[in-house]
Each structure stands twice: as structure tokens, then as C-alpha cells.
Amino acid sequence: MIRIRTAILFLVIAMSSCVSNKDIAYFQYDEIEQANVSNKFETIFKPDDLLQITISSDNIEATLPFNLPAVTFGTTGTATGTPKQQTYLIDSRGEIDFPVLGKLKLGGVSREAALELLKEKLSPDYVTNPTINIKIANFKVTVYGDVKNPGTFTIPNERVSILDAIGLAGDLNISGKRDNVLVIREENNKKMKYRVNLLSNKTLSSPVFYLQQNDVVYVEHNKARIQSASANSNTTLFISVTSLIITLVSILTR
């Protein structure tokens, strides 16, 4: 009887998988390719980006038409609430409608190129030596799959690495597949897929190490997690049947 119970116990243990350090420790393989590692990242504006554009100069009055406040009007026609900085949505054609200057093509343009474009449009006819700041108000990334806290996260400074994003999601679960993390990115109106191996130091030189707005990071379940999920659905039945077999064997061997 004891032998039967012991055998069943070993069987149950065998059904669960053991996880070793080599399956979960980040950056354990390959040498760091220092020549390819860069702290630079470039923001490329895309359709549906909501931009905050601030124009400043020594002549404050000259900048007022380009810094319109966003206010809410009540039923009486009076402004209510605290005025906020106006935002400009990049439409499907990659354009924004900016005060005085009209339509500006910013979709597919880097921040540096956008700043140069605005300076050319503003100076010297409207504002002399303008200082321009452009911020994406709705910069966000999404992390889901086998992580502790999946979700969509707003990034205030537009600089976020894949490690930052995973940290915001509470890190991968033990059962998360670290060697094949998927990053989905929109480029030139197409969805592109990149694979990242977090076990390798080559991740530090990956083109998606720094994420862009609206990137999606997906962590797959490893095989053990999938098998465990399948096994768990039958665990209760397995235990019941095993108990019945033990009882019958006990009765028949008396």
C-alpha cells in the first residue's frame, strides 16, 4: 500500500516541471557588442500621435497665436476648468492643423526634422529665433502575456527600453518564455514583428531595445506552463481515479 502511494507521489511530481537558472536569468549568453550598443534613440512621429507643441521667444506676444490654451466651455458659453496646453492630433495623412501655419506634415518625421520645419515656418516672419518644444502627450506601450501585471503604460519622457516596459509590468513570471519575446511595431503603415532573446546580451543592441510609441511587447508562456494548464484541468479527476484504484487494490489484496 505504501509503495503504491509512493509511486503515485513520484508520478505527480514528474508531471510538474523543474525550472533551472539557465531558463530564467537575463543576459547570461553571448558577449556584449559594445560597438553596436547605443544610448541614442530617435522618436518618429506617427498618425494618431497627440502632440503638445510649445513656442517661446523673447517676444511673448508674438508667440501667443501659436500657444492656444485648451479650455472647456460650459452651457453659458464661459470657459470652465483650468486651461491646458493645446494638443494636435496627427491624422491618417500624417498632418496636423497648426494655428496660422495651417497643415504641417509631421507623420513619419523625426523630432529633429519637425523642429527644423517649424523654425523655418515661424522665423523670421512670425517669431524671431523661436524656441520650440514638441512632446507626445499619448506616448504609451503595451505589455501582455506571461507577466505579473499586464497592461498599457503611459510614458512621460518618451524614453523607454524593453527592460523598462517589462519592469512596469512587474517582470516576467517564472513561466514566461524569455528567449523569444515578441515586439510588434508599426512602421510605414505596416505591422512589423521583432523577436528578442532576453537571455542574450545581444538584446542590448537590438533595434527594439528602445521602444517607440504604441509598441506592443508580448511574452509567450513556456511549454511547461501550457502543459501545466492542460494537466491542472484534469488533476481533480486524476486524484479521484487514483484514490479509487488504491482503494480497490487495497481491498483485493487483503
Protein backbone atom coordinates (compact mmCIF):
# COMPACT_ATOMS: atom_id res chain seq x y z
CA MET A 1 0.00 0.00 0.00
CA ILE A 2 2.79 2.43 0.97
CA ARG A 3 4.70 1.55 -2.18
CA ILE A 4 1.69 2.35 -4.33
CA ARG A 5 1.23 5.73 -2.65
CA THR A 6 4.93 6.49 -3.07
CA ALA A 7 4.80 5.62 -6.76
CA ILE A 8 1.80 7.89 -7.28
CA LEU A 9 3.56 10.73 -5.44
CA PHE A 10 6.56 10.44 -7.76
CA LEU A 11 4.20 10.42 -10.74
CA VAL A 12 2.57 13.66 -9.63
CA ILE A 13 5.97 15.29 -9.08
CA ALA A 14 7.09 14.18 -12.53
CA MET A 15 4.08 15.94 -14.04
CA SER A 16 5.38 19.28 -12.78
CA SER A 17 8.41 20.82 -14.44
CA CYS A 18 11.58 21.99 -12.78
CA VAL A 19 12.93 25.40 -13.71
CA SER A 20 16.67 25.95 -13.72
CA ASN A 21 18.58 29.21 -13.51
CA LYS A 22 19.63 28.96 -17.17
CA ASP A 23 15.98 29.23 -18.15
CA ILE A 24 15.27 32.48 -16.30
CA ALA A 25 18.48 34.52 -15.77
CA TYR A 26 18.71 37.52 -18.10
CA PHE A 27 21.84 38.33 -20.15
CA GLN A 28 23.72 35.10 -19.50
CA TYR A 29 24.71 34.31 -23.09
CA ASP A 30 26.96 35.99 -25.66
CA GLU A 31 29.35 38.89 -25.22
CA ILE A 32 28.13 42.48 -25.14
CA GLU A 33 28.66 44.01 -28.58
CA GLN A 34 29.86 47.40 -27.37
CA ALA A 35 30.27 48.75 -30.89
CA ASN A 36 26.54 48.20 -31.51
CA VAL A 37 25.28 49.37 -28.12
CA SER A 38 23.95 52.93 -28.23
CA ASN A 39 22.14 55.12 -25.73
CA LYS A 40 20.66 57.13 -28.57
CA PHE A 41 17.05 56.74 -29.53
CA GLU A 42 15.02 58.60 -32.12
CA THR A 43 11.36 59.49 -31.86
CA ILE A 44 9.49 59.24 -35.15
CA PHE A 45 6.06 60.86 -35.14
CA LYS A 46 3.20 58.68 -36.38
CA PRO A 47 -0.51 59.00 -37.17
CA ASP A 48 -2.66 59.18 -34.02
CA ASP A 49 0.16 60.78 -32.03
CA LEU A 50 -1.16 63.64 -29.91
CA LEU A 51 1.45 66.40 -29.91
CA GLN A 52 1.96 69.22 -27.45
CA ILE A 53 3.84 71.99 -29.25
CA THR A 54 5.14 74.96 -27.30
CA ILE A 55 6.63 78.03 -29.00
CA SER A 56 8.62 80.55 -26.96
CA SER A 57 10.85 83.55 -27.63
CA ASP A 58 11.88 86.90 -26.18
CA ASN A 59 8.75 88.43 -27.74
CA ILE A 60 5.97 86.74 -25.78
CA GLU A 61 3.18 88.49 -27.69
CA ALA A 62 4.45 87.11 -30.99
CA THR A 63 4.16 83.54 -29.68
CA LEU A 64 0.61 83.83 -28.32
CA PRO A 65 -1.17 82.81 -31.57
CA PHE A 66 0.86 79.57 -31.58
CA ASN A 67 0.24 78.62 -27.93
CA LEU A 68 -3.51 78.34 -27.80
CA PRO A 69 -4.93 77.07 -24.49
CA ALA A 70 -7.33 74.15 -24.50
CA VAL A 71 -10.43 75.06 -22.47
CA THR A 72 -13.85 73.60 -21.83
CA PHE A 73 -16.91 75.79 -22.34
CA GLY A 74 -19.98 75.47 -20.13
CA THR A 75 -23.63 75.84 -21.13
CA THR A 76 -23.43 79.60 -20.59
CA GLY A 77 -20.59 79.92 -23.09
CA THR A 78 -17.97 80.71 -20.46
CA ALA A 79 -14.70 78.79 -20.13
CA THR A 80 -14.56 76.36 -17.21
CA GLY A 81 -11.77 74.42 -15.59
CA THR A 82 -8.04 75.00 -15.75
CA PRO A 83 -6.67 75.88 -19.20
CA LYS A 84 -4.27 73.30 -20.60
CA GLN A 85 -1.76 73.25 -23.39
CA GLN A 86 -3.42 72.68 -26.78
CA THR A 87 -2.67 69.35 -28.45
CA TYR A 88 -2.56 68.47 -32.14
CA LEU A 89 -3.53 65.06 -33.48
CA ILE A 90 -1.56 63.68 -36.42
CA ASP A 91 -4.21 62.45 -38.85
CA SER A 92 -4.11 59.45 -41.20
CA ARG A 93 -2.30 61.58 -43.79
CA GLY A 94 0.41 62.40 -41.26
CA GLU A 95 -0.66 66.03 -40.93
CA ILE A 96 -1.58 68.40 -38.11
CA ASP A 97 -3.55 71.63 -38.40
CA PHE A 98 -1.40 74.23 -36.65
CA PRO A 99 -2.50 77.79 -35.86
CA VAL A 100 -1.60 80.38 -38.52
CA LEU A 101 0.71 77.97 -40.37
CA GLY A 102 -2.06 75.58 -41.40
CA LYS A 103 -1.36 71.97 -42.44
CA LEU A 104 2.04 70.61 -41.47
CA LYS A 105 3.34 67.16 -42.44
CA LEU A 106 4.82 65.60 -39.30
CA GLY A 107 3.90 61.92 -39.68
CA GLY A 108 6.98 59.83 -40.41
CA VAL A 109 9.22 62.73 -39.38
CA SER A 110 11.79 62.68 -36.57
CA ARG A 111 11.64 65.17 -33.73
CA GLU A 112 14.74 66.98 -35.03
CA ALA A 113 13.26 67.30 -38.53
CA ALA A 114 9.95 68.54 -37.11
CA LEU A 115 11.73 71.21 -35.06
CA GLU A 116 13.63 72.41 -38.12
CA LEU A 117 10.41 72.53 -40.16
CA LEU A 118 8.63 74.66 -37.54
CA LYS A 119 11.60 77.01 -37.20
CA GLU A 120 11.65 77.56 -40.96
CA LYS A 121 7.90 78.26 -40.99
CA LEU A 122 7.98 80.63 -38.00
CA SER A 123 11.20 82.58 -38.42
CA PRO A 124 11.59 85.38 -39.24
CA ASP A 125 8.08 86.25 -40.47
CA TYR A 126 6.18 85.36 -37.28
CA VAL A 127 8.62 84.71 -34.43
CA THR A 128 12.30 85.66 -34.32
CA ASN A 129 14.65 82.97 -33.00
CA PRO A 130 11.87 80.73 -31.65
CA THR A 131 12.49 78.00 -29.10
CA ILE A 132 10.29 75.02 -29.84
CA ASN A 133 9.39 72.01 -27.73
CA ILE A 134 7.40 69.04 -29.03
CA LYS A 135 6.10 66.32 -26.74
CA ILE A 136 3.93 63.28 -27.47
CA ALA A 137 1.08 63.51 -24.96
CA ASN A 138 -0.18 59.97 -25.55
CA PHE A 139 3.11 58.04 -25.70
CA LYS A 140 2.30 54.55 -24.47
CA VAL A 141 3.46 50.95 -24.71
CA THR A 142 1.59 47.74 -24.00
CA VAL A 143 2.97 44.65 -22.29
CA TYR A 144 0.89 41.50 -22.05
CA GLY A 145 1.19 37.73 -21.93
CA ASP A 146 3.04 35.88 -19.17
CA VAL A 147 3.94 38.88 -16.98
CA LYS A 148 2.84 39.75 -13.47
CA ASN A 149 0.89 42.95 -14.28
CA PRO A 150 -0.01 43.16 -17.99
CA GLY A 151 -1.34 46.47 -19.24
CA THR A 152 -0.85 49.65 -21.22
CA PHE A 153 1.56 52.16 -19.71
CA THR A 154 1.85 55.89 -20.42
CA ILE A 155 5.47 57.04 -20.69
CA PRO A 156 6.01 60.70 -19.69
CA ASN A 157 9.50 61.19 -21.15
CA GLU A 158 9.22 59.14 -24.37
CA ARG A 159 12.35 57.18 -23.50
CA VAL A 160 11.58 53.58 -22.54
CA SER A 161 13.56 50.42 -23.14
CA ILE A 162 12.08 46.95 -23.38
CA LEU A 163 13.51 46.32 -19.90
CA ASP A 164 11.75 49.41 -18.54
CA ALA A 165 8.47 48.22 -20.03
CA ILE A 166 8.86 44.75 -18.57
CA GLY A 167 9.67 46.36 -15.22
CA LEU A 168 6.45 48.39 -15.39
CA ALA A 169 4.61 45.11 -15.96
CA GLY A 170 6.15 43.63 -12.81
CA ASP A 171 8.68 41.41 -14.65
CA LEU A 172 8.05 38.09 -16.37
CA ASN A 173 6.54 35.22 -14.46
CA ILE A 174 8.77 32.20 -13.94
CA SER A 175 6.82 30.50 -16.71
CA GLY A 176 7.38 33.37 -19.19
CA LYS A 177 9.41 32.48 -22.28
CA ARG A 178 12.46 34.72 -22.08
CA ASP A 179 14.25 33.69 -25.26
CA ASN A 180 11.53 34.68 -27.72
CA VAL A 181 9.82 37.90 -26.59
CA LEU A 182 7.79 39.47 -29.39
CA VAL A 183 7.73 43.22 -30.11
CA ILE A 184 5.09 44.46 -32.56
CA ARG A 185 5.75 47.88 -34.09
CA GLU A 186 4.07 49.95 -36.78
CA GLU A 187 6.48 51.15 -39.45
CA ASN A 188 5.42 52.84 -42.68
CA ASN A 189 1.80 51.81 -42.09
CA LYS A 190 2.81 48.16 -41.69
CA LYS A 191 2.90 45.96 -38.61
CA MET A 192 6.42 44.66 -38.09
CA LYS A 193 7.45 41.85 -35.73
CA TYR A 194 10.77 41.63 -33.88
CA ARG A 195 12.00 38.84 -31.64
CA VAL A 196 14.14 39.49 -28.57
CA ASN A 197 16.11 36.95 -26.55
CA LEU A 198 16.39 38.31 -23.02
CA LEU A 199 18.84 35.55 -22.11
CA SER A 200 21.36 37.05 -24.53
CA ASN A 201 23.44 40.21 -24.20
CA LYS A 202 22.67 40.90 -27.86
CA THR A 203 19.37 42.30 -26.64
CA LEU A 204 21.27 45.47 -25.68
CA SER A 205 22.00 46.17 -29.35
CA SER A 206 18.57 45.16 -30.67
CA PRO A 207 16.73 47.71 -32.88
CA VAL A 208 13.79 47.41 -30.48
CA PHE A 209 15.78 47.76 -27.24
CA TYR A 210 14.32 51.28 -27.09
CA LEU A 211 10.59 51.10 -27.70
CA GLN A 212 8.55 53.53 -29.76
CA GLN A 213 5.08 54.85 -29.07
CA ASN A 214 2.32 52.21 -29.32
CA ASP A 215 4.79 49.30 -29.38
CA VAL A 216 3.37 46.04 -28.07
CA VAL A 217 5.51 43.57 -26.10
CA TYR A 218 4.17 40.02 -25.86
CA VAL A 219 5.65 37.32 -23.62
CA GLU A 220 4.74 33.76 -24.51
CA HIS A 221 4.08 31.00 -21.96
CA ASN A 222 6.73 28.31 -21.94
CA LYS A 223 5.84 24.70 -22.73
CA ALA A 224 5.77 23.73 -19.08
CA ARG A 225 3.12 26.39 -18.34
CA ILE A 226 0.98 25.22 -21.25
CA GLN A 227 1.30 21.58 -20.23
CA SER A 228 0.60 22.51 -16.63
CA ALA A 229 -2.57 24.36 -17.60
CA SER A 230 -3.73 21.31 -19.52
CA ALA A 231 -2.81 18.98 -16.67
CA ASN A 232 -4.49 21.09 -13.99
CA SER A 233 -7.87 20.76 -15.67
CA ASN A 234 -7.62 17.00 -15.18
CA THR A 235 -5.90 16.98 -11.78
CA THR A 236 -9.07 16.56 -9.73
CA LEU A 237 -10.27 13.68 -11.92
CA PHE A 238 -6.79 12.10 -11.81
CA ILE A 239 -6.68 12.22 -8.00
CA SER A 240 -10.20 10.80 -7.69
CA VAL A 241 -9.50 7.92 -10.06
CA THR A 242 -6.16 7.22 -8.37
CA SER A 243 -7.79 7.13 -4.94
CA LEU A 244 -10.41 4.71 -6.26
CA ILE A 245 -7.72 2.45 -7.73
CA ILE A 246 -5.79 2.47 -4.46
CA THR A 247 -8.95 1.52 -2.57
CA LEU A 248 -9.77 -1.32 -4.95
CA VAL A 249 -6.21 -2.67 -4.89
CA SER A 250 -6.23 -2.49 -1.11
CA ILE A 251 -9.48 -4.49 -0.94
CA LEU A 252 -8.39 -7.11 -3.49
CA THR A 253 -5.01 -7.72 -1.88
CA ARG A 254 -6.33 -8.36 1.59
